[in-house]
Amino acid sequence: MEHHHHTGGCNCGKDDANAESADQFNLFQRIDMEKLTTLNEVVEDSGKNVFRPWEDRLNREKFVESDADEELLINIPFSGSVKLKGIIVIGGEEGRNPSRIRLFKNRPFMTFEDAEAKCDQEFELALDQNGSVIYPTKAVTFSSVEHLSLHFPSNQGNQDSTKIMYIGLKGDFIKSNRVGVVNAVYEARPMMEDHKADVKSQTQHQLNF
């Protein structure tokens, strides 16, 4: 696990998110929202609310809250392959801010039982109410991500529920998964060849007469 301590001379790899432009946290636009699922949320589909534009990150009316206990698990499918460079988590108040985040790459439809496995990366989370802390992900590990699962196992105040207001994903969109368009192009070629053959056959038939 990666630990971050705030000391005067510390250079712990976190950037000042306020200095980042909004377009660096636009991977939410590449999420397949219809297929995004959140396990143990109080309100169905509320997990989708935390992925929104950078300018709207401080909106306190949009959030996801855990139900039966403090755990949350968010399964995030992308519309293509992305390079994930960093993540921001704005938590709730009164000790309900998540204390840890565990990242899993390309493991769709994860359950809490699946989340017991070793993750690809994890961080201890600071109390961040304005999105000023960026957690940098491993460059090689997260260079080609089509599905991302985020596991929040606990909160900072040992409360019964965990609350998350905003999750920002920093990175680049690499390529689309729209293979259907490519297949359509290849399927069209034989049809054109067949058409040419039919024209040639008809021409030869006419010459014979």
N, C-alpha and C. Protein backbone atom coordinates (compact mmCIF):
# COMPACT_ATOMS: atom_id res chain seq x y z
N MET A 1 0.83 -1.18 0.00
CA MET A 1 0.00 0.00 0.00
C MET A 1 0.87 1.24 0.00
N GLU A 2 0.41 2.28 -0.67
CA GLU A 2 1.18 3.51 -0.74
C GLU A 2 0.69 4.48 0.31
N HIS A 3 1.63 5.00 1.13
CA HIS A 3 1.30 5.91 2.20
C HIS A 3 1.77 7.30 1.84
N HIS A 4 0.98 8.30 2.23
CA HIS A 4 1.34 9.68 1.98
C HIS A 4 1.23 10.46 3.28
N HIS A 5 2.32 11.12 3.67
CA HIS A 5 2.32 11.92 4.88
C HIS A 5 2.65 13.36 4.51
N HIS A 6 1.92 14.29 5.06
CA HIS A 6 2.11 15.70 4.72
C HIS A 6 3.11 16.34 5.67
N THR A 7 4.32 16.52 5.20
CA THR A 7 5.36 17.20 5.97
C THR A 7 5.91 18.34 5.13
N GLY A 8 6.64 19.24 5.76
CA GLY A 8 7.11 20.43 5.07
C GLY A 8 7.98 20.14 3.88
N GLY A 9 8.88 19.16 3.97
CA GLY A 9 9.79 18.89 2.87
C GLY A 9 9.40 17.69 2.05
N CYS A 10 8.15 17.25 2.19
CA CYS A 10 7.72 16.02 1.52
C CYS A 10 7.42 16.28 0.05
N ASN A 11 7.96 15.41 -0.79
CA ASN A 11 7.60 15.43 -2.20
C ASN A 11 7.05 14.06 -2.52
N CYS A 12 5.77 13.85 -2.19
CA CYS A 12 5.20 12.51 -2.19
C CYS A 12 4.51 12.15 -3.50
N GLY A 13 4.69 12.94 -4.53
CA GLY A 13 4.17 12.55 -5.83
C GLY A 13 2.77 13.05 -6.11
N LYS A 14 2.13 13.72 -5.16
CA LYS A 14 0.80 14.26 -5.40
C LYS A 14 0.93 15.65 -6.01
N ASP A 15 0.13 15.90 -7.00
CA ASP A 15 0.14 17.21 -7.63
C ASP A 15 -0.97 18.07 -7.03
N ASP A 16 -0.88 19.33 -7.26
CA ASP A 16 -1.94 20.24 -6.86
C ASP A 16 -3.02 20.20 -7.94
N ALA A 17 -4.15 19.59 -7.60
CA ALA A 17 -5.20 19.40 -8.59
C ALA A 17 -5.76 20.72 -9.09
N ASN A 18 -5.68 21.76 -8.26
CA ASN A 18 -6.21 23.06 -8.67
C ASN A 18 -5.43 23.65 -9.83
N ALA A 19 -4.20 23.20 -10.04
CA ALA A 19 -3.37 23.70 -11.13
C ALA A 19 -3.63 22.93 -12.42
N GLU A 20 -4.38 21.85 -12.33
CA GLU A 20 -4.67 21.03 -13.51
C GLU A 20 -5.86 21.61 -14.26
N SER A 21 -5.81 21.52 -15.56
CA SER A 21 -6.94 21.99 -16.36
C SER A 21 -8.04 20.94 -16.38
N ALA A 22 -9.27 21.40 -16.65
CA ALA A 22 -10.42 20.51 -16.60
C ALA A 22 -10.33 19.37 -17.59
N ASP A 23 -9.67 19.58 -18.73
CA ASP A 23 -9.63 18.53 -19.75
C ASP A 23 -8.75 17.36 -19.35
N GLN A 24 -7.98 17.49 -18.28
CA GLN A 24 -7.16 16.38 -17.83
C GLN A 24 -7.95 15.41 -16.95
N PHE A 25 -9.12 15.83 -16.53
CA PHE A 25 -9.98 14.95 -15.73
C PHE A 25 -11.29 14.68 -16.48
N ASN A 26 -11.16 14.35 -17.76
CA ASN A 26 -12.34 14.17 -18.59
C ASN A 26 -12.61 12.71 -18.96
N LEU A 27 -11.96 11.77 -18.28
CA LEU A 27 -12.19 10.36 -18.62
C LEU A 27 -13.61 9.91 -18.28
N PHE A 28 -14.33 10.69 -17.47
CA PHE A 28 -15.72 10.34 -17.18
C PHE A 28 -16.54 10.31 -18.46
N GLN A 29 -16.12 11.07 -19.47
CA GLN A 29 -16.81 11.08 -20.75
C GLN A 29 -16.64 9.77 -21.50
N ARG A 30 -15.65 8.99 -21.13
CA ARG A 30 -15.36 7.71 -21.80
C ARG A 30 -15.92 6.52 -21.04
N ILE A 31 -16.68 6.78 -19.98
CA ILE A 31 -17.29 5.70 -19.21
C ILE A 31 -18.60 5.28 -19.87
N ASP A 32 -18.82 3.98 -19.97
CA ASP A 32 -20.10 3.46 -20.46
C ASP A 32 -21.07 3.48 -19.28
N MET A 33 -21.74 4.62 -19.07
CA MET A 33 -22.55 4.84 -17.88
C MET A 33 -23.69 3.83 -17.74
N GLU A 34 -24.23 3.37 -18.84
CA GLU A 34 -25.34 2.42 -18.77
C GLU A 34 -24.92 1.11 -18.14
N LYS A 35 -23.64 0.77 -18.27
CA LYS A 35 -23.15 -0.51 -17.74
C LYS A 35 -22.39 -0.36 -16.43
N LEU A 36 -22.20 0.88 -15.96
CA LEU A 36 -21.52 1.09 -14.69
C LEU A 36 -22.39 0.59 -13.54
N THR A 37 -21.80 -0.16 -12.62
CA THR A 37 -22.54 -0.68 -11.47
C THR A 37 -21.80 -0.37 -10.18
N THR A 38 -22.58 -0.15 -9.13
CA THR A 38 -22.03 0.09 -7.80
C THR A 38 -22.67 -0.88 -6.82
N LEU A 39 -21.85 -1.64 -6.14
CA LEU A 39 -22.34 -2.61 -5.17
C LEU A 39 -22.44 -1.97 -3.79
N ASN A 40 -23.56 -2.24 -3.11
CA ASN A 40 -23.84 -1.77 -1.75
C ASN A 40 -24.13 -0.28 -1.68
N GLU A 41 -24.76 0.26 -2.71
CA GLU A 41 -25.17 1.66 -2.68
C GLU A 41 -26.60 1.77 -2.13
N VAL A 42 -26.88 2.84 -1.39
CA VAL A 42 -28.21 3.04 -0.83
C VAL A 42 -29.23 3.28 -1.93
N VAL A 43 -28.92 4.22 -2.82
CA VAL A 43 -29.82 4.57 -3.92
C VAL A 43 -29.28 3.98 -5.21
N GLU A 44 -30.11 3.22 -5.88
CA GLU A 44 -29.69 2.57 -7.12
C GLU A 44 -29.19 3.58 -8.15
N ASP A 45 -28.08 3.27 -8.77
CA ASP A 45 -27.44 4.08 -9.81
C ASP A 45 -26.86 5.39 -9.30
N SER A 46 -26.84 5.60 -7.99
CA SER A 46 -26.27 6.84 -7.47
C SER A 46 -24.75 6.89 -7.65
N GLY A 47 -24.13 5.72 -7.82
CA GLY A 47 -22.69 5.68 -8.06
C GLY A 47 -22.29 6.41 -9.33
N LYS A 48 -23.22 6.51 -10.27
CA LYS A 48 -22.93 7.21 -11.53
C LYS A 48 -22.79 8.71 -11.31
N ASN A 49 -23.38 9.22 -10.22
CA ASN A 49 -23.39 10.66 -9.98
C ASN A 49 -22.02 11.23 -9.65
N VAL A 50 -21.11 10.40 -9.16
CA VAL A 50 -19.82 10.92 -8.70
C VAL A 50 -18.83 11.11 -9.85
N PHE A 51 -19.18 10.64 -11.03
CA PHE A 51 -18.33 10.83 -12.22
C PHE A 51 -18.95 11.95 -13.06
N ARG A 52 -18.37 13.12 -12.96
CA ARG A 52 -18.94 14.30 -13.61
C ARG A 52 -17.83 15.30 -13.94
N PRO A 53 -18.15 16.40 -14.61
CA PRO A 53 -17.11 17.36 -15.01
C PRO A 53 -16.35 17.94 -13.82
N TRP A 54 -15.11 18.28 -14.07
CA TRP A 54 -14.23 18.86 -13.05
C TRP A 54 -14.86 20.10 -12.41
N GLU A 55 -15.50 20.92 -13.23
CA GLU A 55 -16.09 22.16 -12.74
C GLU A 55 -17.22 21.90 -11.74
N ASP A 56 -17.78 20.70 -11.76
CA ASP A 56 -18.91 20.36 -10.90
C ASP A 56 -18.48 19.48 -9.72
N ARG A 57 -17.18 19.41 -9.47
CA ARG A 57 -16.68 18.48 -8.45
C ARG A 57 -17.11 18.84 -7.03
N LEU A 58 -17.40 20.11 -6.76
CA LEU A 58 -17.74 20.55 -5.41
C LEU A 58 -19.24 20.54 -5.14
N ASN A 59 -20.01 20.01 -6.06
CA ASN A 59 -21.45 19.88 -5.88
C ASN A 59 -21.74 18.86 -4.78
N ARG A 60 -22.30 19.31 -3.66
CA ARG A 60 -22.54 18.43 -2.52
C ARG A 60 -23.87 17.69 -2.60
N GLU A 61 -24.64 17.95 -3.65
CA GLU A 61 -25.94 17.31 -3.78
C GLU A 61 -25.86 15.99 -4.54
N LYS A 62 -24.72 15.74 -5.17
CA LYS A 62 -24.53 14.50 -5.91
C LYS A 62 -23.51 13.64 -5.19
N PHE A 63 -23.90 12.42 -4.82
CA PHE A 63 -22.99 11.55 -4.07
C PHE A 63 -23.49 10.11 -4.12
N VAL A 64 -22.65 9.20 -3.65
CA VAL A 64 -23.05 7.81 -3.45
C VAL A 64 -22.73 7.46 -2.01
N GLU A 65 -23.63 6.71 -1.39
CA GLU A 65 -23.48 6.33 0.01
C GLU A 65 -23.67 4.82 0.14
N SER A 66 -22.84 4.20 0.96
CA SER A 66 -22.94 2.75 1.15
C SER A 66 -24.17 2.41 1.99
N ASP A 67 -24.62 1.18 1.87
CA ASP A 67 -25.88 0.76 2.49
C ASP A 67 -25.68 -0.10 3.74
N ALA A 68 -25.42 -1.39 3.55
CA ALA A 68 -25.39 -2.34 4.67
C ALA A 68 -24.21 -2.13 5.60
N ASP A 69 -23.08 -1.71 5.05
CA ASP A 69 -21.88 -1.45 5.86
C ASP A 69 -21.07 -0.37 5.17
N GLU A 70 -19.79 -0.26 5.51
CA GLU A 70 -18.99 0.85 4.99
C GLU A 70 -18.37 0.59 3.62
N GLU A 71 -18.53 -0.61 3.06
CA GLU A 71 -17.87 -0.96 1.80
C GLU A 71 -18.64 -0.46 0.57
N LEU A 72 -17.87 -0.08 -0.43
CA LEU A 72 -18.41 0.25 -1.75
C LEU A 72 -17.51 -0.38 -2.81
N LEU A 73 -18.11 -0.85 -3.89
CA LEU A 73 -17.35 -1.41 -5.01
C LEU A 73 -17.98 -0.89 -6.30
N ILE A 74 -17.19 -0.16 -7.07
CA ILE A 74 -17.69 0.45 -8.31
C ILE A 74 -17.00 -0.21 -9.50
N ASN A 75 -17.80 -0.78 -10.40
CA ASN A 75 -17.29 -1.40 -11.63
C ASN A 75 -17.50 -0.42 -12.78
N ILE A 76 -16.39 0.00 -13.40
CA ILE A 76 -16.42 1.06 -14.40
C ILE A 76 -15.96 0.54 -15.76
N PRO A 77 -16.88 0.31 -16.70
CA PRO A 77 -16.48 -0.06 -18.06
C PRO A 77 -16.27 1.19 -18.91
N PHE A 78 -15.21 1.20 -19.68
CA PHE A 78 -14.95 2.32 -20.59
C PHE A 78 -15.42 1.96 -22.00
N SER A 79 -15.63 2.98 -22.80
CA SER A 79 -16.07 2.77 -24.19
C SER A 79 -14.91 2.39 -25.10
N GLY A 80 -13.73 2.33 -24.55
CA GLY A 80 -12.54 1.95 -25.29
C GLY A 80 -11.39 1.73 -24.33
N SER A 81 -10.19 1.86 -24.82
CA SER A 81 -9.00 1.68 -23.98
C SER A 81 -8.49 3.05 -23.53
N VAL A 82 -8.20 3.16 -22.24
CA VAL A 82 -7.71 4.43 -21.70
C VAL A 82 -6.40 4.22 -20.96
N LYS A 83 -5.64 5.30 -20.86
CA LYS A 83 -4.41 5.31 -20.06
C LYS A 83 -4.72 6.12 -18.80
N LEU A 84 -4.83 5.43 -17.67
CA LEU A 84 -5.17 6.09 -16.41
C LEU A 84 -3.90 6.60 -15.74
N LYS A 85 -3.87 7.91 -15.46
CA LYS A 85 -2.68 8.52 -14.88
C LYS A 85 -2.85 8.91 -13.42
N GLY A 86 -4.08 9.14 -13.00
CA GLY A 86 -4.28 9.56 -11.62
C GLY A 86 -5.75 9.57 -11.25
N ILE A 87 -6.01 9.69 -9.95
CA ILE A 87 -7.38 9.65 -9.46
C ILE A 87 -7.54 10.62 -8.29
N ILE A 88 -8.71 11.23 -8.21
CA ILE A 88 -9.07 12.13 -7.12
C ILE A 88 -10.32 11.58 -6.46
N VAL A 89 -10.38 11.63 -5.14
CA VAL A 89 -11.57 11.19 -4.40
C VAL A 89 -11.96 12.26 -3.39
N ILE A 90 -13.14 12.83 -3.57
CA ILE A 90 -13.70 13.75 -2.58
C ILE A 90 -14.72 12.98 -1.76
N GLY A 91 -14.47 12.87 -0.47
CA GLY A 91 -15.34 12.08 0.39
C GLY A 91 -16.37 12.91 1.13
N GLY A 92 -17.16 12.20 1.91
CA GLY A 92 -18.21 12.85 2.68
C GLY A 92 -17.71 13.42 3.99
N GLU A 93 -18.65 13.90 4.78
CA GLU A 93 -18.33 14.55 6.03
C GLU A 93 -18.53 13.60 7.21
N GLU A 94 -18.22 14.07 8.40
CA GLU A 94 -18.49 13.37 9.65
C GLU A 94 -17.87 11.97 9.68
N GLY A 95 -16.64 11.86 9.23
CA GLY A 95 -15.93 10.59 9.30
C GLY A 95 -16.33 9.57 8.28
N ARG A 96 -17.18 9.95 7.34
CA ARG A 96 -17.63 8.99 6.32
C ARG A 96 -16.78 9.04 5.06
N ASN A 97 -15.72 9.82 5.08
CA ASN A 97 -14.77 9.84 3.98
C ASN A 97 -14.07 8.48 3.89
N PRO A 98 -13.97 7.88 2.70
CA PRO A 98 -13.28 6.58 2.59
C PRO A 98 -11.82 6.71 3.02
N SER A 99 -11.33 5.69 3.68
CA SER A 99 -9.95 5.72 4.18
C SER A 99 -8.97 5.04 3.23
N ARG A 100 -9.47 4.17 2.35
CA ARG A 100 -8.61 3.48 1.40
C ARG A 100 -9.32 3.30 0.07
N ILE A 101 -8.53 3.19 -0.97
CA ILE A 101 -9.06 2.83 -2.29
C ILE A 101 -8.16 1.77 -2.88
N ARG A 102 -8.77 0.74 -3.48
CA ARG A 102 -8.05 -0.36 -4.09
C ARG A 102 -8.47 -0.44 -5.55
N LEU A 103 -7.50 -0.46 -6.45
CA LEU A 103 -7.77 -0.42 -7.89
C LEU A 103 -7.52 -1.78 -8.53
N PHE A 104 -8.47 -2.20 -9.36
CA PHE A 104 -8.36 -3.44 -10.12
C PHE A 104 -8.54 -3.13 -11.60
N LYS A 105 -7.62 -3.60 -12.40
CA LYS A 105 -7.64 -3.34 -13.84
C LYS A 105 -8.20 -4.52 -14.62
N ASN A 106 -9.13 -4.24 -15.54
CA ASN A 106 -9.65 -5.21 -16.50
C ASN A 106 -10.18 -6.49 -15.85
N ARG A 107 -11.01 -6.31 -14.81
CA ARG A 107 -11.68 -7.45 -14.17
C ARG A 107 -13.18 -7.11 -14.06
N PRO A 108 -13.91 -7.28 -15.15
CA PRO A 108 -15.33 -6.89 -15.17
C PRO A 108 -16.19 -7.68 -14.18
N PHE A 109 -17.29 -7.08 -13.79
CA PHE A 109 -18.32 -7.71 -12.95
C PHE A 109 -17.78 -8.21 -11.62
N MET A 110 -16.89 -7.45 -11.01
CA MET A 110 -16.32 -7.86 -9.74
C MET A 110 -17.37 -7.82 -8.62
N THR A 111 -17.22 -8.74 -7.67
CA THR A 111 -18.05 -8.78 -6.47
C THR A 111 -17.16 -8.50 -5.26
N PHE A 112 -17.76 -8.37 -4.09
CA PHE A 112 -16.96 -8.15 -2.89
C PHE A 112 -16.05 -9.35 -2.60
N GLU A 113 -16.51 -10.52 -2.97
CA GLU A 113 -15.67 -11.71 -2.81
C GLU A 113 -14.46 -11.63 -3.73
N ASP A 114 -14.67 -11.18 -4.96
CA ASP A 114 -13.56 -11.00 -5.90
C ASP A 114 -12.56 -9.97 -5.38
N ALA A 115 -13.08 -8.96 -4.68
CA ALA A 115 -12.23 -7.86 -4.20
C ALA A 115 -11.29 -8.28 -3.08
N GLU A 116 -11.45 -9.50 -2.58
CA GLU A 116 -10.53 -10.02 -1.57
C GLU A 116 -9.18 -10.38 -2.19
N ALA A 117 -9.13 -10.45 -3.51
CA ALA A 117 -7.88 -10.77 -4.20
C ALA A 117 -6.92 -9.58 -4.13
N LYS A 118 -5.68 -9.83 -4.51
CA LYS A 118 -4.68 -8.76 -4.53
C LYS A 118 -5.05 -7.75 -5.61
N CYS A 119 -5.01 -6.49 -5.24
CA CYS A 119 -5.35 -5.43 -6.20
C CYS A 119 -4.11 -5.01 -6.99
N ASP A 120 -4.33 -4.22 -8.03
CA ASP A 120 -3.21 -3.74 -8.85
C ASP A 120 -2.51 -2.54 -8.21
N GLN A 121 -3.25 -1.79 -7.41
CA GLN A 121 -2.66 -0.66 -6.69
C GLN A 121 -3.66 -0.19 -5.63
N GLU A 122 -3.14 0.34 -4.52
CA GLU A 122 -4.02 0.88 -3.50
C GLU A 122 -3.38 2.09 -2.83
N PHE A 123 -4.24 2.93 -2.29
CA PHE A 123 -3.78 4.14 -1.62
C PHE A 123 -4.53 4.32 -0.30
N GLU A 124 -3.85 4.89 0.67
CA GLU A 124 -4.53 5.43 1.84
C GLU A 124 -5.00 6.82 1.47
N LEU A 125 -6.26 7.11 1.73
CA LEU A 125 -6.84 8.37 1.28
C LEU A 125 -6.78 9.44 2.36
N ALA A 126 -6.42 10.63 1.93
CA ALA A 126 -6.45 11.79 2.82
C ALA A 126 -7.86 12.36 2.86
N LEU A 127 -8.15 13.14 3.89
CA LEU A 127 -9.43 13.84 3.96
C LEU A 127 -9.37 15.01 2.98
N ASP A 128 -10.06 14.87 1.87
CA ASP A 128 -9.97 15.84 0.77
C ASP A 128 -11.38 16.33 0.44
N GLN A 129 -11.68 17.56 0.78
CA GLN A 129 -13.01 18.10 0.58
C GLN A 129 -13.15 18.97 -0.67
N ASN A 130 -12.03 19.26 -1.33
CA ASN A 130 -12.12 20.14 -2.51
C ASN A 130 -11.40 19.60 -3.74
N GLY A 131 -10.92 18.37 -3.69
CA GLY A 131 -10.27 17.78 -4.86
C GLY A 131 -8.87 18.30 -5.09
N SER A 132 -8.12 18.47 -4.02
CA SER A 132 -6.76 19.03 -4.13
C SER A 132 -5.68 17.96 -4.12
N VAL A 133 -6.05 16.69 -3.97
CA VAL A 133 -5.07 15.62 -3.88
C VAL A 133 -5.24 14.65 -5.05
N ILE A 134 -4.16 14.47 -5.80
CA ILE A 134 -4.16 13.51 -6.90
C ILE A 134 -3.31 12.31 -6.52
N TYR A 135 -3.86 11.12 -6.69
CA TYR A 135 -3.11 9.89 -6.43
C TYR A 135 -2.63 9.34 -7.77
N PRO A 136 -1.32 9.37 -8.03
CA PRO A 136 -0.79 8.92 -9.33
C PRO A 136 -0.78 7.40 -9.45
N THR A 137 -1.29 6.90 -10.54
CA THR A 137 -1.32 5.46 -10.77
C THR A 137 -0.04 5.00 -11.46
N LYS A 138 0.22 3.70 -11.38
CA LYS A 138 1.40 3.12 -12.00
C LYS A 138 1.28 3.22 -13.53
N ALA A 139 2.26 3.83 -14.14
CA ALA A 139 2.19 4.12 -15.58
C ALA A 139 2.06 2.85 -16.42
N VAL A 140 2.88 1.85 -16.14
CA VAL A 140 2.86 0.63 -16.95
C VAL A 140 1.60 -0.18 -16.70
N THR A 141 1.22 -0.32 -15.44
CA THR A 141 0.06 -1.14 -15.08
C THR A 141 -1.23 -0.61 -15.68
N PHE A 142 -1.39 0.70 -15.68
CA PHE A 142 -2.65 1.29 -16.12
C PHE A 142 -2.53 1.99 -17.47
N SER A 143 -1.67 1.46 -18.34
CA SER A 143 -1.46 2.06 -19.66
C SER A 143 -2.53 1.65 -20.66
N SER A 144 -3.22 0.55 -20.40
CA SER A 144 -4.26 0.08 -21.31
C SER A 144 -5.41 -0.50 -20.50
N VAL A 145 -6.36 0.35 -20.15
CA VAL A 145 -7.45 -0.04 -19.25
C VAL A 145 -8.78 0.04 -20.00
N GLU A 146 -9.49 -1.08 -20.02
CA GLU A 146 -10.83 -1.11 -20.61
C GLU A 146 -11.90 -1.21 -19.55
N HIS A 147 -11.51 -1.66 -18.37
CA HIS A 147 -12.44 -1.77 -17.25
C HIS A 147 -11.68 -1.49 -15.96
N LEU A 148 -12.27 -0.68 -15.09
CA LEU A 148 -11.64 -0.31 -13.83
C LEU A 148 -12.61 -0.55 -12.69
N SER A 149 -12.15 -1.26 -11.66
CA SER A 149 -12.96 -1.47 -10.47
C SER A 149 -12.31 -0.76 -9.29
N LEU A 150 -13.12 -0.01 -8.54
CA LEU A 150 -12.64 0.74 -7.38
C LEU A 150 -13.30 0.18 -6.12
N HIS A 151 -12.48 -0.31 -5.21
CA HIS A 151 -12.98 -0.89 -3.96
C HIS A 151 -12.64 0.03 -2.80
N PHE A 152 -13.67 0.43 -2.06
CA PHE A 152 -13.49 1.25 -0.87
C PHE A 152 -13.89 0.40 0.34
N PRO A 153 -12.93 -0.19 1.05
CA PRO A 153 -13.24 -1.15 2.11
C PRO A 153 -13.64 -0.54 3.44
N SER A 154 -13.31 0.73 3.67
CA SER A 154 -13.54 1.31 5.00
C SER A 154 -13.58 2.83 4.93
N ASN A 155 -13.98 3.45 6.04
CA ASN A 155 -13.97 4.91 6.11
C ASN A 155 -13.12 5.37 7.29
N GLN A 156 -12.91 6.67 7.38
CA GLN A 156 -11.96 7.21 8.34
C GLN A 156 -12.51 7.33 9.76
N GLY A 157 -13.83 7.31 9.89
CA GLY A 157 -14.41 7.49 11.23
C GLY A 157 -15.06 6.26 11.80
N ASN A 158 -14.81 5.08 11.16
CA ASN A 158 -15.46 3.84 11.59
C ASN A 158 -16.98 4.00 11.66
N GLN A 159 -17.52 4.74 10.70
CA GLN A 159 -18.96 4.95 10.62
C GLN A 159 -19.64 3.77 9.93
N ASP A 160 -20.96 3.70 10.08
CA ASP A 160 -21.71 2.60 9.47
C ASP A 160 -21.78 2.72 7.95
N SER A 161 -21.62 3.92 7.43
CA SER A 161 -21.70 4.11 5.99
C SER A 161 -20.56 5.00 5.49
N THR A 162 -20.21 4.79 4.23
CA THR A 162 -19.18 5.59 3.56
C THR A 162 -19.86 6.46 2.51
N LYS A 163 -19.37 7.68 2.37
CA LYS A 163 -19.97 8.63 1.44
C LYS A 163 -18.90 9.21 0.52
N ILE A 164 -19.17 9.19 -0.78
CA ILE A 164 -18.25 9.74 -1.78
C ILE A 164 -18.99 10.77 -2.61
N MET A 165 -18.40 11.95 -2.73
CA MET A 165 -19.02 13.05 -3.46
C MET A 165 -18.56 13.12 -4.92
N TYR A 166 -17.31 12.80 -5.16
CA TYR A 166 -16.75 12.97 -6.51
C TYR A 166 -15.54 12.06 -6.69
N ILE A 167 -15.43 11.48 -7.89
CA ILE A 167 -14.24 10.72 -8.29
C ILE A 167 -13.78 11.27 -9.63
N GLY A 168 -12.56 11.78 -9.66
CA GLY A 168 -11.99 12.30 -10.89
C GLY A 168 -10.95 11.35 -11.45
N LEU A 169 -11.05 11.07 -12.73
CA LEU A 169 -10.12 10.16 -13.40
C LEU A 169 -9.29 10.95 -14.41
N LYS A 170 -8.00 10.97 -14.20
CA LYS A 170 -7.08 11.70 -15.08
C LYS A 170 -6.40 10.71 -16.03
N GLY A 171 -6.36 11.06 -17.31
CA GLY A 171 -5.70 10.18 -18.26
C GLY A 171 -6.02 10.51 -19.70
N ASP A 172 -5.72 9.56 -20.57
CA ASP A 172 -5.90 9.75 -22.01
C ASP A 172 -6.74 8.63 -22.59
N PHE A 173 -7.57 8.97 -23.56
CA PHE A 173 -8.33 7.98 -24.30
C PHE A 173 -7.47 7.48 -25.45
N ILE A 174 -7.30 6.16 -25.55
CA ILE A 174 -6.39 5.60 -26.55
C ILE A 174 -7.12 5.19 -27.83
N LYS A 175 -8.11 4.32 -27.69
CA LYS A 175 -8.83 3.85 -28.87
C LYS A 175 -10.21 3.36 -28.49
N SER A 176 -11.08 3.31 -29.49
CA SER A 176 -12.46 2.90 -29.28
C SER A 176 -12.59 1.39 -29.43
N ASN A 177 -13.64 0.84 -28.80
CA ASN A 177 -13.94 -0.59 -28.93
C ASN A 177 -14.96 -0.85 -30.03
N ARG A 178 -15.23 0.12 -30.87
CA ARG A 178 -16.27 -0.02 -31.90
C ARG A 178 -15.77 -0.87 -33.07
N VAL A 179 -15.64 -2.17 -32.84
CA VAL A 179 -15.14 -3.08 -33.88
C VAL A 179 -16.19 -3.30 -34.96
N GLY A 180 -17.44 -3.03 -34.65
CA GLY A 180 -18.51 -3.24 -35.62
C GLY A 180 -18.32 -2.43 -36.88
N VAL A 181 -17.76 -1.22 -36.74
CA VAL A 181 -17.53 -0.37 -37.89
C VAL A 181 -16.49 -0.99 -38.81
N VAL A 182 -15.43 -1.54 -38.23
CA VAL A 182 -14.38 -2.18 -39.01
C VAL A 182 -14.93 -3.41 -39.72
N ASN A 183 -15.71 -4.22 -39.01
CA ASN A 183 -16.28 -5.42 -39.61
C ASN A 183 -17.18 -5.08 -40.78
N ALA A 184 -17.91 -4.00 -40.65
CA ALA A 184 -18.83 -3.60 -41.72
C ALA A 184 -18.06 -3.26 -42.99
N VAL A 185 -16.89 -2.65 -42.85
CA VAL A 185 -16.06 -2.30 -44.00
C VAL A 185 -15.58 -3.56 -44.70
N TYR A 186 -15.11 -4.52 -43.92
CA TYR A 186 -14.61 -5.76 -44.51
C TYR A 186 -15.74 -6.55 -45.16
N GLU A 187 -16.93 -6.53 -44.57
CA GLU A 187 -18.05 -7.26 -45.13
C GLU A 187 -18.52 -6.63 -46.43
N ALA A 188 -18.29 -5.34 -46.58
CA ALA A 188 -18.75 -4.65 -47.79
C ALA A 188 -17.90 -5.00 -49.00
N ARG A 189 -16.64 -5.33 -48.78
CA ARG A 189 -15.73 -5.61 -49.89
C ARG A 189 -16.14 -6.83 -50.72
N PRO A 190 -16.48 -7.98 -50.11
CA PRO A 190 -16.90 -9.12 -50.92
C PRO A 190 -18.15 -8.81 -51.73
N MET A 191 -19.03 -8.00 -51.18
CA MET A 191 -20.24 -7.65 -51.89
C MET A 191 -19.92 -6.89 -53.16
N MET A 192 -18.95 -5.98 -53.09
CA MET A 192 -18.53 -5.23 -54.27
C MET A 192 -17.90 -6.16 -55.30
N GLU A 193 -17.08 -7.10 -54.84
CA GLU A 193 -16.44 -8.05 -55.75
C GLU A 193 -17.49 -8.91 -56.44
N ASP A 194 -18.50 -9.36 -55.67
CA ASP A 194 -19.57 -10.16 -56.25
C ASP A 194 -20.32 -9.36 -57.30
N HIS A 195 -20.52 -8.09 -57.03
CA HIS A 195 -21.23 -7.23 -57.98
C HIS A 195 -20.44 -7.11 -59.28
N LYS A 196 -19.12 -6.95 -59.16
CA LYS A 196 -18.27 -6.84 -60.35
C LYS A 196 -18.33 -8.13 -61.16
N ALA A 197 -18.33 -9.26 -60.48
CA ALA A 197 -18.37 -10.55 -61.16
C ALA A 197 -19.67 -10.72 -61.92
N ASP A 198 -20.77 -10.25 -61.33
CA ASP A 198 -22.07 -10.36 -61.99
C ASP A 198 -22.11 -9.51 -63.26
N VAL A 199 -21.55 -8.31 -63.19
CA VAL A 199 -21.52 -7.42 -64.36
C VAL A 199 -20.69 -8.04 -65.48
N LYS A 200 -19.52 -8.61 -65.11
CA LYS A 200 -18.65 -9.24 -66.11
C LYS A 200 -19.34 -10.42 -66.76
N SER A 201 -20.06 -11.22 -65.98
CA SER A 201 -20.76 -12.38 -66.50
C SER A 201 -21.85 -11.96 -67.47
N GLN A 202 -22.58 -10.89 -67.10
CA GLN A 202 -23.65 -10.42 -67.97
C GLN A 202 -23.08 -9.89 -69.29
N THR A 203 -21.93 -9.22 -69.24
CA THR A 203 -21.29 -8.66 -70.44
C THR A 203 -20.87 -9.78 -71.39
N GLN A 204 -20.24 -10.84 -70.84
CA GLN A 204 -19.81 -11.96 -71.67
C GLN A 204 -21.01 -12.66 -72.30
N HIS A 205 -22.10 -12.75 -71.55
CA HIS A 205 -23.30 -13.40 -72.07
C HIS A 205 -23.86 -12.64 -73.26
N GLN A 206 -23.84 -11.29 -73.15
CA GLN A 206 -24.35 -10.47 -74.24
C GLN A 206 -23.46 -10.58 -75.47
N LEU A 207 -22.14 -10.70 -75.32
CA LEU A 207 -21.22 -10.80 -76.45
C LEU A 207 -21.41 -12.12 -77.19
N ASN A 208 -21.74 -13.18 -76.45
CA ASN A 208 -21.95 -14.48 -77.07
C ASN A 208 -23.14 -14.46 -78.02
N PHE A 209 -24.09 -13.57 -77.72
CA PHE A 209 -25.22 -13.45 -78.62
C PHE A 209 -24.92 -12.49 -79.76
